[in-house]
Amino acid sequence: MTLYSIYAKPEKGPEALLVLPERFIWSAFLFVPLWAILRGTWAYFVLWIVIAGALYWSVPLIGGEAAMALYAVFALWTGFAAPGIAARALQHRDWIASGEFSAPDQVTAERLWLEKTYGARP
């Protein structure tokens, strides 16, 4: 089972609901800049530009293999930190953290939150 964080905008009703899994995000690991842009984490995208640029310019000093290894470590860290980074971006856009649920999938976590908040369907 995975832990899911629930984010909501109450003023927009039950349709304004996002469910984020608290686990390693493969897309963030494999496609760091694209993931950052699609999630709207602009500060993290700028951080990626700075780190990628620094590694590019450091190749003559540390070598290409070392630069690639450091980038791989950064990408791996991004994969693990992605849920927290995305959550912080949501909170900056006035989404409210509404709870956490352990569930087998995202749909079940959303259903559990809706039942807890609005009551079970008759």
PDB file of N, CA and C in Angstrom:
ATOM      1  N   MET A   1       0.836  -1.177   0.000  1.00  0.00           N
ATOM      2  CA  MET A   1       0.000   0.000   0.000  1.00  0.00           C
ATOM      3  C   MET A   1       0.883   1.242   0.000  1.00  0.00           C
ATOM      4  N   THR A   2       0.370   2.266  -0.619  1.00  0.00           N
ATOM      5  CA  THR A   2       1.084   3.527  -0.743  1.00  0.00           C
ATOM      6  C   THR A   2       0.385   4.589   0.094  1.00  0.00           C
ATOM      7  N   LEU A   3       1.167   5.502   0.619  1.00  0.00           N
ATOM      8  CA  LEU A   3       0.611   6.639   1.340  1.00  0.00           C
ATOM      9  C   LEU A   3       0.318   7.737   0.321  1.00  0.00           C
ATOM     10  N   TYR A   4      -0.885   8.279   0.371  1.00  0.00           N
ATOM     11  CA  TYR A   4      -1.296   9.342  -0.539  1.00  0.00           C
ATOM     12  C   TYR A   4      -1.627  10.588   0.262  1.00  0.00           C
ATOM     13  N   SER A   5      -1.153  11.740  -0.222  1.00  0.00           N
ATOM     14  CA  SER A   5      -1.501  13.031   0.377  1.00  0.00           C
ATOM     15  C   SER A   5      -2.623  13.643  -0.448  1.00  0.00           C
ATOM     16  N   ILE A   6      -3.606  14.180   0.241  1.00  0.00           N
ATOM     17  CA  ILE A   6      -4.776  14.756  -0.411  1.00  0.00           C
ATOM     18  C   ILE A   6      -4.694  16.275  -0.307  1.00  0.00           C
ATOM     19  N   TYR A   7      -4.854  16.955  -1.441  1.00  0.00           N
ATOM     20  CA  TYR A   7      -4.866  18.418  -1.485  1.00  0.00           C
ATOM     21  C   TYR A   7      -6.174  18.861  -2.110  1.00  0.00           C
ATOM     22  N   ALA A   8      -6.781  19.886  -1.519  1.00  0.00           N
ATOM     23  CA  ALA A   8      -8.091  20.341  -1.984  1.00  0.00           C
ATOM     24  C   ALA A   8      -8.160  21.859  -1.990  1.00  0.00           C
ATOM     25  N   LYS A   9      -9.083  22.360  -2.801  1.00  0.00           N
ATOM     26  CA  LYS A   9      -9.478  23.768  -2.779  1.00  0.00           C
ATOM     27  C   LYS A   9     -10.957  23.776  -2.415  1.00  0.00           C
ATOM     28  N   PRO A  10     -11.264  23.905  -1.113  1.00  0.00           N
ATOM     29  CA  PRO A  10     -12.655  23.767  -0.659  1.00  0.00           C
ATOM     30  C   PRO A  10     -13.634  24.715  -1.341  1.00  0.00           C
ATOM     31  N   GLU A  11     -13.180  25.906  -1.697  1.00  0.00           N
ATOM     32  CA  GLU A  11     -14.095  26.866  -2.311  1.00  0.00           C
ATOM     33  C   GLU A  11     -14.548  26.423  -3.696  1.00  0.00           C
ATOM     34  N   LYS A  12     -13.853  25.460  -4.293  1.00  0.00           N
ATOM     35  CA  LYS A  12     -14.234  24.968  -5.619  1.00  0.00           C
ATOM     36  C   LYS A  12     -14.992  23.652  -5.562  1.00  0.00           C
ATOM     37  N   GLY A  13     -15.286  23.171  -4.369  1.00  0.00           N
ATOM     38  CA  GLY A  13     -16.087  21.963  -4.216  1.00  0.00           C
ATOM     39  C   GLY A  13     -15.269  20.686  -4.286  1.00  0.00           C
ATOM     40  N   PRO A  14     -15.953  19.543  -4.276  1.00  0.00           N
ATOM     41  CA  PRO A  14     -15.248  18.259  -4.241  1.00  0.00           C
ATOM     42  C   PRO A  14     -14.509  17.920  -5.533  1.00  0.00           C
ATOM     43  N   GLU A  15     -14.771  18.647  -6.615  1.00  0.00           N
ATOM     44  CA  GLU A  15     -14.066  18.370  -7.866  1.00  0.00           C
ATOM     45  C   GLU A  15     -12.622  18.858  -7.824  1.00  0.00           C
ATOM     46  N   ALA A  16     -12.331  19.858  -6.999  1.00  0.00           N
ATOM     47  CA  ALA A  16     -10.984  20.417  -6.892  1.00  0.00           C
ATOM     48  C   ALA A  16     -10.196  19.607  -5.880  1.00  0.00           C
ATOM     49  N   LEU A  17      -9.724  18.460  -6.318  1.00  0.00           N
ATOM     50  CA  LEU A  17      -9.046  17.521  -5.436  1.00  0.00           C
ATOM     51  C   LEU A  17      -7.849  16.928  -6.165  1.00  0.00           C
ATOM     52  N   LEU A  18      -6.699  16.927  -5.512  1.00  0.00           N
ATOM     53  CA  LEU A  18      -5.494  16.302  -6.062  1.00  0.00           C
ATOM     54  C   LEU A  18      -4.982  15.272  -5.077  1.00  0.00           C
ATOM     55  N   VAL A  19      -4.593  14.126  -5.592  1.00  0.00           N
ATOM     56  CA  VAL A  19      -4.080  13.032  -4.774  1.00  0.00           C
ATOM     57  C   VAL A  19      -2.645  12.769  -5.216  1.00  0.00           C
ATOM     58  N   LEU A  20      -1.687  12.995  -4.304  1.00  0.00           N
ATOM     59  CA  LEU A  20      -0.270  12.797  -4.614  1.00  0.00           C
ATOM     60  C   LEU A  20       0.264  11.564  -3.900  1.00  0.00           C
ATOM     61  N   PRO A  21       0.868  10.642  -4.639  1.00  0.00           N
ATOM     62  CA  PRO A  21       1.476   9.483  -3.976  1.00  0.00           C
ATOM     63  C   PRO A  21       2.784   9.876  -3.301  1.00  0.00           C
ATOM     64  N   GLU A  22       3.010   9.369  -2.113  1.00  0.00           N
ATOM     65  CA  GLU A  22       4.250   9.639  -1.373  1.00  0.00           C
ATOM     66  C   GLU A  22       5.215   8.477  -1.628  1.00  0.00           C
ATOM     67  N   ARG A  23       5.751   8.442  -2.840  1.00  0.00           N
ATOM     68  CA  ARG A  23       6.676   7.377  -3.221  1.00  0.00           C
ATOM     69  C   ARG A  23       7.636   7.914  -4.275  1.00  0.00           C
ATOM     70  N   PHE A  24       8.581   7.089  -4.667  1.00  0.00           N
ATOM     71  CA  PHE A  24       9.540   7.468  -5.701  1.00  0.00           C
ATOM     72  C   PHE A  24       8.793   7.734  -7.003  1.00  0.00           C
ATOM     73  N   ILE A  25       9.099   8.866  -7.645  1.00  0.00           N
ATOM     74  CA  ILE A  25       8.435   9.245  -8.891  1.00  0.00           C
ATOM     75  C   ILE A  25       9.418   9.048 -10.045  1.00  0.00           C
ATOM     76  N   TRP A  26       9.156   8.019 -10.844  1.00  0.00           N
ATOM     77  CA  TRP A  26      10.069   7.689 -11.939  1.00  0.00           C
ATOM     78  C   TRP A  26      10.170   8.801 -12.974  1.00  0.00           C
ATOM     79  N   SER A  27       9.072   9.464 -13.290  1.00  0.00           N
ATOM     80  CA  SER A  27       9.122  10.529 -14.290  1.00  0.00           C
ATOM     81  C   SER A  27       9.990  11.689 -13.816  1.00  0.00           C
ATOM     82  N   ALA A  28       9.984  11.962 -12.520  1.00  0.00           N
ATOM     83  CA  ALA A  28      10.842  13.024 -11.977  1.00  0.00           C
ATOM     84  C   ALA A  28      12.308  12.620 -12.054  1.00  0.00           C
ATOM     85  N   PHE A  29      12.592  11.346 -11.888  1.00  0.00           N
ATOM     86  CA  PHE A  29      13.963  10.845 -11.972  1.00  0.00           C
ATOM     87  C   PHE A  29      14.466  10.863 -13.414  1.00  0.00           C
ATOM     88  N   LEU A  30      13.655  10.409 -14.350  1.00  0.00           N
ATOM     89  CA  LEU A  30      14.100  10.276 -15.736  1.00  0.00           C
ATOM     90  C   LEU A  30      14.051  11.582 -16.520  1.00  0.00           C
ATOM     91  N   PHE A  31      13.093  12.440 -16.222  1.00  0.00           N
ATOM     92  CA  PHE A  31      12.892  13.673 -16.993  1.00  0.00           C
ATOM     93  C   PHE A  31      12.772  14.865 -16.050  1.00  0.00           C
ATOM     94  N   VAL A  32      13.833  15.189 -15.340  1.00  0.00           N
ATOM     95  CA  VAL A  32      13.786  16.218 -14.294  1.00  0.00           C
ATOM     96  C   VAL A  32      13.216  17.542 -14.798  1.00  0.00           C
ATOM     97  N   PRO A  33      13.758  18.149 -15.866  1.00  0.00           N
ATOM     98  CA  PRO A  33      13.237  19.470 -16.249  1.00  0.00           C
ATOM     99  C   PRO A  33      11.795  19.414 -16.752  1.00  0.00           C
ATOM    100  N   LEU A  34      11.462  18.386 -17.514  1.00  0.00           N
ATOM    101  CA  LEU A  34      10.098  18.262 -18.022  1.00  0.00           C
ATOM    102  C   LEU A  34       9.109  18.064 -16.874  1.00  0.00           C
ATOM    103  N   TRP A  35       9.469  17.230 -15.903  1.00  0.00           N
ATOM    104  CA  TRP A  35       8.609  17.013 -14.739  1.00  0.00           C
ATOM    105  C   TRP A  35       8.402  18.325 -13.981  1.00  0.00           C
ATOM    106  N   ALA A  36       9.480  19.091 -13.799  1.00  0.00           N
ATOM    107  CA  ALA A  36       9.382  20.357 -13.060  1.00  0.00           C
ATOM    108  C   ALA A  36       8.464  21.346 -13.775  1.00  0.00           C
ATOM    109  N   ILE A  37       8.558  21.424 -15.083  1.00  0.00           N
ATOM    110  CA  ILE A  37       7.706  22.345 -15.840  1.00  0.00           C
ATOM    111  C   ILE A  37       6.250  21.906 -15.780  1.00  0.00           C
ATOM    112  N   LEU A  38       5.998  20.615 -15.992  1.00  0.00           N
ATOM    113  CA  LEU A  38       4.617  20.125 -16.005  1.00  0.00           C
ATOM    114  C   LEU A  38       3.945  20.239 -14.640  1.00  0.00           C
ATOM    115  N   ARG A  39       4.700  20.143 -13.561  1.00  0.00           N
ATOM    116  CA  ARG A  39       4.142  20.274 -12.212  1.00  0.00           C
ATOM    117  C   ARG A  39       4.060  21.724 -11.761  1.00  0.00           C
ATOM    118  N   GLY A  40       4.636  22.644 -12.529  1.00  0.00           N
ATOM    119  CA  GLY A  40       4.598  24.049 -12.155  1.00  0.00           C
ATOM    120  C   GLY A  40       5.541  24.402 -11.025  1.00  0.00           C
ATOM    121  N   THR A  41       6.602  23.636 -10.873  1.00  0.00           N
ATOM    122  CA  THR A  41       7.591  23.902  -9.822  1.00  0.00           C
ATOM    123  C   THR A  41       8.724  24.728 -10.436  1.00  0.00           C
ATOM    124  N   TRP A  42       8.434  25.989 -10.673  1.00  0.00           N
ATOM    125  CA  TRP A  42       9.359  26.850 -11.407  1.00  0.00           C
ATOM    126  C   TRP A  42      10.668  27.083 -10.660  1.00  0.00           C
ATOM    127  N   ALA A  43      10.622  27.211  -9.360  1.00  0.00           N
ATOM    128  CA  ALA A  43      11.858  27.397  -8.594  1.00  0.00           C
ATOM    129  C   ALA A  43      12.751  26.167  -8.734  1.00  0.00           C
ATOM    130  N   TYR A  44      12.146  24.992  -8.759  1.00  0.00           N
ATOM    131  CA  TYR A  44      12.935  23.771  -8.918  1.00  0.00           C
ATOM    132  C   TYR A  44      13.501  23.672 -10.330  1.00  0.00           C
ATOM    133  N   PHE A  45      12.755  24.151 -11.315  1.00  0.00           N
ATOM    134  CA  PHE A  45      13.266  24.181 -12.684  1.00  0.00           C
ATOM    135  C   PHE A  45      14.482  25.097 -12.779  1.00  0.00           C
ATOM    136  N   VAL A  46      14.423  26.243 -12.121  1.00  0.00           N
ATOM    137  CA  VAL A  46      15.576  27.158 -12.098  1.00  0.00           C
ATOM    138  C   VAL A  46      16.759  26.495 -11.396  1.00  0.00           C
ATOM    139  N   LEU A  47      16.496  25.784 -10.306  1.00  0.00           N
ATOM    140  CA  LEU A  47      17.559  25.040  -9.621  1.00  0.00           C
ATOM    141  C   LEU A  47      18.183  24.016 -10.557  1.00  0.00           C
ATOM    142  N   TRP A  48      17.360  23.319 -11.340  1.00  0.00           N
ATOM    143  CA  TRP A  48      17.889  22.341 -12.299  1.00  0.00           C
ATOM    144  C   TRP A  48      18.784  23.032 -13.326  1.00  0.00           C
ATOM    145  N   ILE A  49      18.362  24.204 -13.830  1.00  0.00           N
ATOM    146  CA  ILE A  49      19.177  24.940 -14.804  1.00  0.00           C
ATOM    147  C   ILE A  49      20.527  25.301 -14.191  1.00  0.00           C
ATOM    148  N   VAL A  50      20.523  25.772 -12.951  1.00  0.00           N
ATOM    149  CA  VAL A  50      21.773  26.150 -12.275  1.00  0.00           C
ATOM    150  C   VAL A  50      22.677  24.932 -12.106  1.00  0.00           C
ATOM    151  N   ILE A  51      22.119  23.820 -11.640  1.00  0.00           N
ATOM    152  CA  ILE A  51      22.936  22.619 -11.413  1.00  0.00           C
ATOM    153  C   ILE A  51      23.434  22.046 -12.726  1.00  0.00           C
ATOM    154  N   ALA A  52      22.565  21.960 -13.737  1.00  0.00           N
ATOM    155  CA  ALA A  52      22.993  21.434 -15.037  1.00  0.00           C
ATOM    156  C   ALA A  52      24.067  22.329 -15.647  1.00  0.00           C
ATOM    157  N   GLY A  53      23.897  23.640 -15.527  1.00  0.00           N
ATOM    158  CA  GLY A  53      24.911  24.565 -16.040  1.00  0.00           C
ATOM    159  C   GLY A  53      26.231  24.438 -15.301  1.00  0.00           C
ATOM    160  N   ALA A  54      26.164  24.324 -13.977  1.00  0.00           N
ATOM    161  CA  ALA A  54      27.391  24.170 -13.184  1.00  0.00           C
ATOM    162  C   ALA A  54      28.111  22.876 -13.541  1.00  0.00           C
ATOM    163  N   LEU A  55      27.357  21.808 -13.731  1.00  0.00           N
ATOM    164  CA  LEU A  55      27.993  20.541 -14.110  1.00  0.00           C
ATOM    165  C   LEU A  55      28.580  20.616 -15.515  1.00  0.00           C
ATOM    166  N   TYR A  56      27.894  21.299 -16.424  1.00  0.00           N
ATOM    167  CA  TYR A  56      28.408  21.460 -17.784  1.00  0.00           C
ATOM    168  C   TYR A  56      29.739  22.212 -17.771  1.00  0.00           C
ATOM    169  N   TRP A  57      29.783  23.293 -16.997  1.00  0.00           N
ATOM    170  CA  TRP A  57      30.999  24.096 -16.961  1.00  0.00           C
ATOM    171  C   TRP A  57      32.105  23.439 -16.135  1.00  0.00           C
ATOM    172  N   SER A  58      31.761  22.486 -15.293  1.00  0.00           N
ATOM    173  CA  SER A  58      32.786  21.825 -14.477  1.00  0.00           C
ATOM    174  C   SER A  58      33.398  20.603 -15.147  1.00  0.00           C
ATOM    175  N   VAL A  59      32.925  20.230 -16.325  1.00  0.00           N
ATOM    176  CA  VAL A  59      33.457  19.044 -17.016  1.00  0.00           C
ATOM    177  C   VAL A  59      34.970  19.126 -17.218  1.00  0.00           C
ATOM    178  N   PRO A  60      35.545  20.263 -17.643  1.00  0.00           N
ATOM    179  CA  PRO A  60      37.012  20.297 -17.790  1.00  0.00           C
ATOM    180  C   PRO A  60      37.759  20.084 -16.468  1.00  0.00           C
ATOM    181  N   LEU A  61      37.128  20.429 -15.356  1.00  0.00           N
ATOM    182  CA  LEU A  61      37.793  20.299 -14.061  1.00  0.00           C
ATOM    183  C   LEU A  61      37.641  18.909 -13.450  1.00  0.00           C
ATOM    184  N   ILE A  62      36.440  18.351 -13.519  1.00  0.00           N
ATOM    185  CA  ILE A  62      36.196  17.077 -12.839  1.00  0.00           C
ATOM    186  C   ILE A  62      36.038  15.901 -13.793  1.00  0.00           C
ATOM    187  N   GLY A  63      35.884  16.161 -15.071  1.00  0.00           N
ATOM    188  CA  GLY A  63      35.719  15.092 -16.049  1.00  0.00           C
ATOM    189  C   GLY A  63      34.251  14.810 -16.339  1.00  0.00           C
ATOM    190  N   GLY A  64      34.012  14.262 -17.511  1.00  0.00           N
ATOM    191  CA  GLY A  64      32.655  13.980 -17.946  1.00  0.00           C
ATOM    192  C   GLY A  64      31.966  12.908 -17.124  1.00  0.00           C
ATOM    193  N   GLU A  65      32.710  11.867 -16.758  1.00  0.00           N
ATOM    194  CA  GLU A  65      32.112  10.773 -15.985  1.00  0.00           C
ATOM    195  C   GLU A  65      31.677  11.240 -14.598  1.00  0.00           C
ATOM    196  N   ALA A  66      32.497  12.064 -13.971  1.00  0.00           N
ATOM    197  CA  ALA A  66      32.141  12.582 -12.647  1.00  0.00           C
ATOM    198  C   ALA A  66      30.930  13.511 -12.740  1.00  0.00           C
ATOM    199  N   ALA A  67      30.883  14.338 -13.795  1.00  0.00           N
ATOM    200  CA  ALA A  67      29.741  15.235 -13.973  1.00  0.00           C
ATOM    201  C   ALA A  67      28.460  14.433 -14.192  1.00  0.00           C
ATOM    202  N   MET A  68      28.547  13.372 -14.987  1.00  0.00           N
ATOM    203  CA  MET A  68      27.369  12.524 -15.216  1.00  0.00           C
ATOM    204  C   MET A  68      26.944  11.816 -13.932  1.00  0.00           C
ATOM    205  N   ALA A  69      27.911  11.369 -13.148  1.00  0.00           N
ATOM    206  CA  ALA A  69      27.590  10.701 -11.883  1.00  0.00           C
ATOM    207  C   ALA A  69      26.909  11.677 -10.923  1.00  0.00           C
ATOM    208  N   LEU A  70      27.403  12.905 -10.852  1.00  0.00           N
ATOM    209  CA  LEU A  70      26.773  13.905  -9.988  1.00  0.00           C
ATOM    210  C   LEU A  70      25.362  14.242 -10.464  1.00  0.00           C
ATOM    211  N   TYR A  71      25.178  14.305 -11.791  1.00  0.00           N
ATOM    212  CA  TYR A  71      23.836  14.554 -12.311  1.00  0.00           C
ATOM    213  C   TYR A  71      22.904  13.390 -11.984  1.00  0.00           C
ATOM    214  N   ALA A  72      23.420  12.168 -12.070  1.00  0.00           N
ATOM    215  CA  ALA A  72      22.607  10.992 -11.734  1.00  0.00           C
ATOM    216  C   ALA A  72      22.187  11.026 -10.269  1.00  0.00           C
ATOM    217  N   VAL A  73      23.089  11.452  -9.394  1.00  0.00           N
ATOM    218  CA  VAL A  73      22.744  11.573  -7.971  1.00  0.00           C
ATOM    219  C   VAL A  73      21.659  12.638  -7.784  1.00  0.00           C
ATOM    220  N   PHE A  74      21.785  13.762  -8.474  1.00  0.00           N
ATOM    221  CA  PHE A  74      20.774  14.818  -8.392  1.00  0.00           C
ATOM    222  C   PHE A  74      19.423  14.320  -8.909  1.00  0.00           C
ATOM    223  N   ALA A  75      19.426  13.601 -10.030  1.00  0.00           N
ATOM    224  CA  ALA A  75      18.179  13.072 -10.589  1.00  0.00           C
ATOM    225  C   ALA A  75      17.554  12.043  -9.651  1.00  0.00           C
ATOM    226  N   LEU A  76      18.382  11.202  -9.043  1.00  0.00           N
ATOM    227  CA  LEU A  76      17.878  10.208  -8.094  1.00  0.00           C
ATOM    228  C   LEU A  76      17.248  10.899  -6.884  1.00  0.00           C
ATOM    229  N   TRP A  77      17.925  11.905  -6.367  1.00  0.00           N
ATOM    230  CA  TRP A  77      17.379  12.669  -5.248  1.00  0.00           C
ATOM    231  C   TRP A  77      16.049  13.314  -5.650  1.00  0.00           C
ATOM    232  N   THR A  78      15.967  13.817  -6.877  1.00  0.00           N
ATOM    233  CA  THR A  78      14.727  14.424  -7.362  1.00  0.00           C
ATOM    234  C   THR A  78      13.588  13.414  -7.350  1.00  0.00           C
ATOM    235  N   GLY A  79      13.862  12.190  -7.769  1.00  0.00           N
ATOM    236  CA  GLY A  79      12.831  11.156  -7.770  1.00  0.00           C
ATOM    237  C   GLY A  79      12.271  10.898  -6.387  1.00  0.00           C
ATOM    238  N   PHE A  80      13.149  10.880  -5.385  1.00  0.00           N
ATOM    239  CA  PHE A  80      12.690  10.657  -4.010  1.00  0.00           C
ATOM    240  C   PHE A  80      12.024  11.898  -3.410  1.00  0.00           C
ATOM    241  N   ALA A  81      12.506  13.079  -3.760  1.00  0.00           N
ATOM    242  CA  ALA A  81      11.978  14.322  -3.183  1.00  0.00           C
ATOM    243  C   ALA A  81      10.776  14.873  -3.944  1.00  0.00           C
ATOM    244  N   ALA A  82      10.435  14.288  -5.079  1.00  0.00           N
ATOM    245  CA  ALA A  82       9.375  14.816  -5.941  1.00  0.00           C
ATOM    246  C   ALA A  82       8.036  15.027  -5.238  1.00  0.00           C
ATOM    247  N   PRO A  83       7.552  14.098  -4.409  1.00  0.00           N
ATOM    248  CA  PRO A  83       6.266  14.362  -3.748  1.00  0.00           C
ATOM    249  C   PRO A  83       6.293  15.622  -2.877  1.00  0.00           C
ATOM    250  N   GLY A  84       7.364  15.829  -2.156  1.00  0.00           N
ATOM    251  CA  GLY A  84       7.478  17.022  -1.322  1.00  0.00           C
ATOM    252  C   GLY A  84       7.599  18.294  -2.135  1.00  0.00           C
ATOM    253  N   ILE A  85       8.323  18.223  -3.243  1.00  0.00           N
ATOM    254  CA  ILE A  85       8.482  19.383  -4.117  1.00  0.00           C
ATOM    255  C   ILE A  85       7.136  19.756  -4.733  1.00  0.00           C
ATOM    256  N   ALA A  86       6.406  18.757  -5.219  1.00  0.00           N
ATOM    257  CA  ALA A  86       5.090  19.011  -5.812  1.00  0.00           C
ATOM    258  C   ALA A  86       4.111  19.534  -4.763  1.00  0.00           C
ATOM    259  N   ALA A  87       4.179  18.998  -3.554  1.00  0.00           N
ATOM    260  CA  ALA A  87       3.286  19.451  -2.483  1.00  0.00           C
ATOM    261  C   ALA A  87       3.543  20.910  -2.136  1.00  0.00           C
ATOM    262  N   ARG A  88       4.795  21.283  -2.075  1.00  0.00           N
ATOM    263  CA  ARG A  88       5.126  22.678  -1.770  1.00  0.00           C
ATOM    264  C   ARG A  88       4.619  23.616  -2.869  1.00  0.00           C
ATOM    265  N   ALA A  89       4.730  23.185  -4.122  1.00  0.00           N
ATOM    266  CA  ALA A  89       4.224  24.002  -5.228  1.00  0.00           C
ATOM    267  C   ALA A  89       2.708  24.150  -5.143  1.00  0.00           C
ATOM    268  N   LEU A  90       2.010  23.078  -4.772  1.00  0.00           N
ATOM    269  CA  LEU A  90       0.551  23.161  -4.614  1.00  0.00           C
ATOM    270  C   LEU A  90       0.177  24.126  -3.497  1.00  0.00           C
ATOM    271  N   GLN A  91       0.893  24.075  -2.392  1.00  0.00           N
ATOM    272  CA  GLN A  91       0.589  24.967  -1.275  1.00  0.00           C
ATOM    273  C   GLN A  91       0.846  26.423  -1.645  1.00  0.00           C
ATOM    274  N   HIS A  92       1.823  26.671  -2.513  1.00  0.00           N
ATOM    275  CA  HIS A  92       2.054  28.032  -2.990  1.00  0.00           C
ATOM    276  C   HIS A  92       0.892  28.531  -3.843  1.00  0.00           C
ATOM    277  N   ARG A  93       0.170  27.607  -4.462  1.00  0.00           N
ATOM    278  CA  ARG A  93      -0.988  27.967  -5.284  1.00  0.00           C
ATOM    279  C   ARG A  93      -2.294  27.840  -4.504  1.00  0.00           C
ATOM    280  N   ASP A  94      -2.203  27.928  -3.178  1.00  0.00           N
ATOM    281  CA  ASP A  94      -3.361  27.961  -2.269  1.00  0.00           C
ATOM    282  C   ASP A  94      -4.149  26.658  -2.189  1.00  0.00           C
ATOM    283  N   TRP A  95      -3.521  25.535  -2.482  1.00  0.00           N
ATOM    284  CA  TRP A  95      -4.148  24.241  -2.222  1.00  0.00           C
ATOM    285  C   TRP A  95      -3.918  23.924  -0.748  1.00  0.00           C
ATOM    286  N   ILE A  96      -4.870  23.259  -0.136  1.00  0.00           N
ATOM    287  CA  ILE A  96      -4.800  22.947   1.289  1.00  0.00           C
ATOM    288  C   ILE A  96      -4.560  21.456   1.467  1.00  0.00           C
ATOM    289  N   ALA A  97      -3.565  21.121   2.282  1.00  0.00           N
ATOM    290  CA  ALA A  97      -3.316  19.715   2.616  1.00  0.00           C
ATOM    291  C   ALA A  97      -4.468  19.238   3.489  1.00  0.00           C
ATOM    292  N   SER A  98      -5.202  18.247   2.999  1.00  0.00           N
ATOM    293  CA  SER A  98      -6.427  17.819   3.678  1.00  0.00           C
ATOM    294  C   SER A  98      -6.335  16.457   4.333  1.00  0.00           C
ATOM    295  N   GLY A  99      -5.203  15.825   4.269  1.00  0.00           N
ATOM    296  CA  GLY A  99      -5.069  14.531   4.932  1.00  0.00           C
ATOM    297  C   GLY A  99      -4.211  13.565   4.146  1.00  0.00           C
ATOM    298  N   GLU A 100      -3.969  12.437   4.772  1.00  0.00           N
ATOM    299  CA  GLU A 100      -3.184  11.375   4.152  1.00  0.00           C
ATOM    300  C   GLU A 100      -3.908  10.056   4.357  1.00  0.00           C
ATOM    301  N   PHE A 101      -3.870   9.222   3.334  1.00  0.00           N
ATOM    302  CA  PHE A 101      -4.506   7.913   3.402  1.00  0.00           C
ATOM    303  C   PHE A 101      -3.569   6.862   2.837  1.00  0.00           C
ATOM    304  N   SER A 102      -3.572   5.716   3.451  1.00  0.00           N
ATOM    305  CA  SER A 102      -2.861   4.563   2.928  1.00  0.00           C
ATOM    306  C   SER A 102      -3.866   3.753   2.127  1.00  0.00           C
ATOM    307  N   ALA A 103      -3.582   3.566   0.849  1.00  0.00           N
ATOM    308  CA  ALA A 103      -4.530   2.878  -0.021  1.00  0.00           C
ATOM    309  C   ALA A 103      -3.773   2.122  -1.109  1.00  0.00           C
ATOM    310  N   PRO A 104      -4.425   1.133  -1.727  1.00  0.00           N
ATOM    311  CA  PRO A 104      -3.759   0.377  -2.784  1.00  0.00           C
ATOM    312  C   PRO A 104      -3.569   1.172  -4.072  1.00  0.00           C
ATOM    313  N   ASP A 105      -4.429   2.172  -4.313  1.00  0.00           N
ATOM    314  CA  ASP A 105      -4.281   2.989  -5.516  1.00  0.00           C
ATOM    315  C   ASP A 105      -4.850   4.391  -5.281  1.00  0.00           C
ATOM    316  N   GLN A 106      -4.650   5.250  -6.277  1.00  0.00           N
ATOM    317  CA  GLN A 106      -5.028   6.651  -6.159  1.00  0.00           C
ATOM    318  C   GLN A 106      -6.548   6.828  -6.079  1.00  0.00           C
ATOM    319  N   VAL A 107      -7.279   6.054  -6.845  1.00  0.00           N
ATOM    320  CA  VAL A 107      -8.740   6.167  -6.855  1.00  0.00           C
ATOM    321  C   VAL A 107      -9.323   5.801  -5.489  1.00  0.00           C
ATOM    322  N   THR A 108      -8.784   4.761  -4.871  1.00  0.00           N
ATOM    323  CA  THR A 108      -9.260   4.354  -3.551  1.00  0.00           C
ATOM    324  C   THR A 108      -8.966   5.433  -2.515  1.00  0.00           C
ATOM    325  N   ALA A 109      -7.785   6.038  -2.585  1.00  0.00           N
ATOM    326  CA  ALA A 109      -7.443   7.113  -1.647  1.00  0.00           C
ATOM    327  C   ALA A 109      -8.398   8.292  -1.805  1.00  0.00           C
ATOM    328  N   GLU A 110      -8.704   8.642  -3.041  1.00  0.00           N
ATOM    329  CA  GLU A 110      -9.644   9.739  -3.288  1.00  0.00           C
ATOM    330  C   GLU A 110     -11.028   9.391  -2.744  1.00  0.00           C
ATOM    331  N   ARG A 111     -11.495   8.173  -2.978  1.00  0.00           N
ATOM    332  CA  ARG A 111     -12.806   7.739  -2.480  1.00  0.00           C
ATOM    333  C   ARG A 111     -12.854   7.773  -0.956  1.00  0.00           C
ATOM    334  N   LEU A 112     -11.775   7.307  -0.302  1.00  0.00           N
ATOM    335  CA  LEU A 112     -11.728   7.326   1.163  1.00  0.00           C
ATOM    336  C   LEU A 112     -11.822   8.751   1.703  1.00  0.00           C
ATOM    337  N   TRP A 113     -11.116   9.674   1.065  1.00  0.00           N
ATOM    338  CA  TRP A 113     -11.161  11.064   1.515  1.00  0.00           C
ATOM    339  C   TRP A 113     -12.556  11.658   1.316  1.00  0.00           C
ATOM    340  N   LEU A 114     -13.167  11.389   0.161  1.00  0.00           N
ATOM    341  CA  LEU A 114     -14.510  11.915  -0.100  1.00  0.00           C
ATOM    342  C   LEU A 114     -15.523  11.352   0.892  1.00  0.00           C
ATOM    343  N   GLU A 115     -15.408  10.056   1.219  1.00  0.00           N
ATOM    344  CA  GLU A 115     -16.316   9.456   2.198  1.00  0.00           C
ATOM    345  C   GLU A 115     -16.117  10.064   3.582  1.00  0.00           C
ATOM    346  N   LYS A 116     -14.868  10.311   3.945  1.00  0.00           N
ATOM    347  CA  LYS A 116     -14.582  10.897   5.257  1.00  0.00           C
ATOM    348  C   LYS A 116     -15.092  12.338   5.335  1.00  0.00           C
ATOM    349  N   THR A 117     -14.924  13.083   4.259  1.00  0.00           N
ATOM    350  CA  THR A 117     -15.273  14.499   4.258  1.00  0.00           C
ATOM    351  C   THR A 117     -16.765  14.738   4.041  1.00  0.00           C
ATOM    352  N   TYR A 118     -17.354  14.057   3.073  1.00  0.00           N
ATOM    353  CA  TYR A 118     -18.743  14.321   2.702  1.00  0.00           C
ATOM    354  C   TYR A 118     -19.708  13.207   3.110  1.00  0.00           C
ATOM    355  N   GLY A 119     -19.190  12.127   3.681  1.00  0.00           N
ATOM    356  CA  GLY A 119     -20.045  11.011   4.083  1.00  0.00           C
ATOM    357  C   GLY A 119     -20.135   9.959   2.992  1.00  0.00           C
ATOM    358  N   ALA A 120     -20.462   8.758   3.402  1.00  0.00           N
ATOM    359  CA  ALA A 120     -20.571   7.648   2.452  1.00  0.00           C
ATOM    360  C   ALA A 120     -21.811   7.817   1.588  1.00  0.00           C
ATOM    361  N   ARG A 121     -21.730   7.311   0.364  1.00  0.00           N
ATOM    362  CA  ARG A 121     -22.880   7.357  -0.538  1.00  0.00           C
ATOM    363  C   ARG A 121     -23.930   6.359  -0.074  1.00  0.00           C
ATOM    364  N   PRO A 122     -25.187   6.742  -0.171  1.00  0.00           N
ATOM    365  CA  PRO A 122     -26.251   5.816   0.259  1.00  0.00           C
ATOM    366  C   PRO A 122     -26.424   4.664  -0.712  1.00  0.00           C
TER     367      PRO A 122
END
